[in-house]
Amino acid sequence: MSRGCSRELGGTDRDRSSPARCTLTIAGEEDEVVAAATQHAVSVHGHQDNAELRQMVRDGLKDEVSV
């Protein structure tokens, strides 16, 4: 069984008092979301693609809410 997740990068930016104020939300399977959010963090926000960033992204995942 797969787990649906969404990653709100803006939540991480605001929680860490970052000036980035990103509002991007990514939804999909966990591995897809981690990969896409990591690519976004690197290309848009200048982060380094490493195990620490991927773990931070994974730790910030939230289960999708059905509407």
Protein backbone atom coordinates (compact mmCIF):
# COMPACT_ATOMS: atom_id res chain seq x y z
CA MET A 1 0.00 0.00 0.00
CA SER A 2 1.40 3.38 -0.96
CA ARG A 3 1.25 6.48 1.18
CA GLY A 4 0.07 9.77 -0.26
CA CYS A 5 2.00 12.75 1.00
CA SER A 6 2.28 16.42 0.38
CA ARG A 7 5.27 18.53 1.14
CA GLU A 8 4.72 22.17 1.96
CA LEU A 9 8.09 23.79 1.49
CA GLY A 10 6.69 27.09 2.68
CA GLY A 11 5.98 25.60 6.11
CA THR A 12 9.63 24.69 6.52
CA ASP A 13 10.79 28.10 5.33
CA ARG A 14 8.46 29.95 7.68
CA ASP A 15 9.22 27.67 10.62
CA ARG A 16 12.91 28.39 10.21
CA SER A 17 12.41 32.15 9.79
CA SER A 18 13.84 31.99 6.28
CA PRO A 19 13.37 35.02 4.04
CA ALA A 20 12.41 32.68 1.15
CA ARG A 21 8.69 32.47 2.07
CA CYS A 22 8.10 29.68 -0.44
CA THR A 23 4.46 28.68 -0.93
CA LEU A 24 5.01 25.64 -3.16
CA THR A 25 3.07 22.46 -2.30
CA ILE A 26 4.04 19.12 -3.84
CA ALA A 27 1.74 16.07 -3.70
CA GLY A 28 2.39 12.47 -4.69
CA GLU A 29 4.02 9.27 -3.52
CA GLU A 30 6.59 9.77 -0.75
CA ASP A 31 9.70 9.08 -2.87
CA GLU A 32 8.40 11.33 -5.69
CA VAL A 33 7.68 14.15 -3.26
CA VAL A 34 11.12 13.89 -1.62
CA ALA A 35 12.84 13.94 -5.03
CA ALA A 36 10.79 16.88 -6.36
CA ALA A 37 11.08 18.91 -3.16
CA THR A 38 14.83 18.32 -3.04
CA GLN A 39 15.23 19.42 -6.66
CA HIS A 40 13.18 22.54 -5.91
CA ALA A 41 15.19 23.35 -2.78
CA VAL A 42 18.43 23.05 -4.74
CA SER A 43 17.43 24.87 -7.94
CA VAL A 44 15.30 27.65 -6.43
CA HIS A 45 16.64 28.13 -2.90
CA GLY A 46 20.31 27.21 -3.40
CA HIS A 47 20.44 24.32 -0.91
CA GLN A 48 23.00 21.52 -1.32
CA ASP A 49 21.56 18.15 -2.41
CA ASN A 50 22.70 15.83 0.35
CA ALA A 51 21.38 13.23 2.78
CA GLU A 52 20.64 15.89 5.43
CA LEU A 53 18.42 17.91 3.08
CA ARG A 54 16.56 14.79 1.90
CA GLN A 55 15.97 13.73 5.51
CA MET A 56 14.72 17.20 6.43
CA VAL A 57 12.31 17.04 3.49
CA ARG A 58 11.17 13.52 4.45
CA ASP A 59 10.68 14.57 8.11
CA GLY A 60 8.46 17.43 6.98
CA LEU A 61 6.04 15.31 4.95
CA LYS A 62 2.38 15.52 5.88
CA ASP A 63 -0.30 13.00 4.94
CA GLU A 64 -2.73 14.26 2.33
CA VAL A 65 -6.08 15.40 3.63
CA SER A 66 -9.08 14.12 1.68
CA VAL A 67 -11.64 16.78 0.89
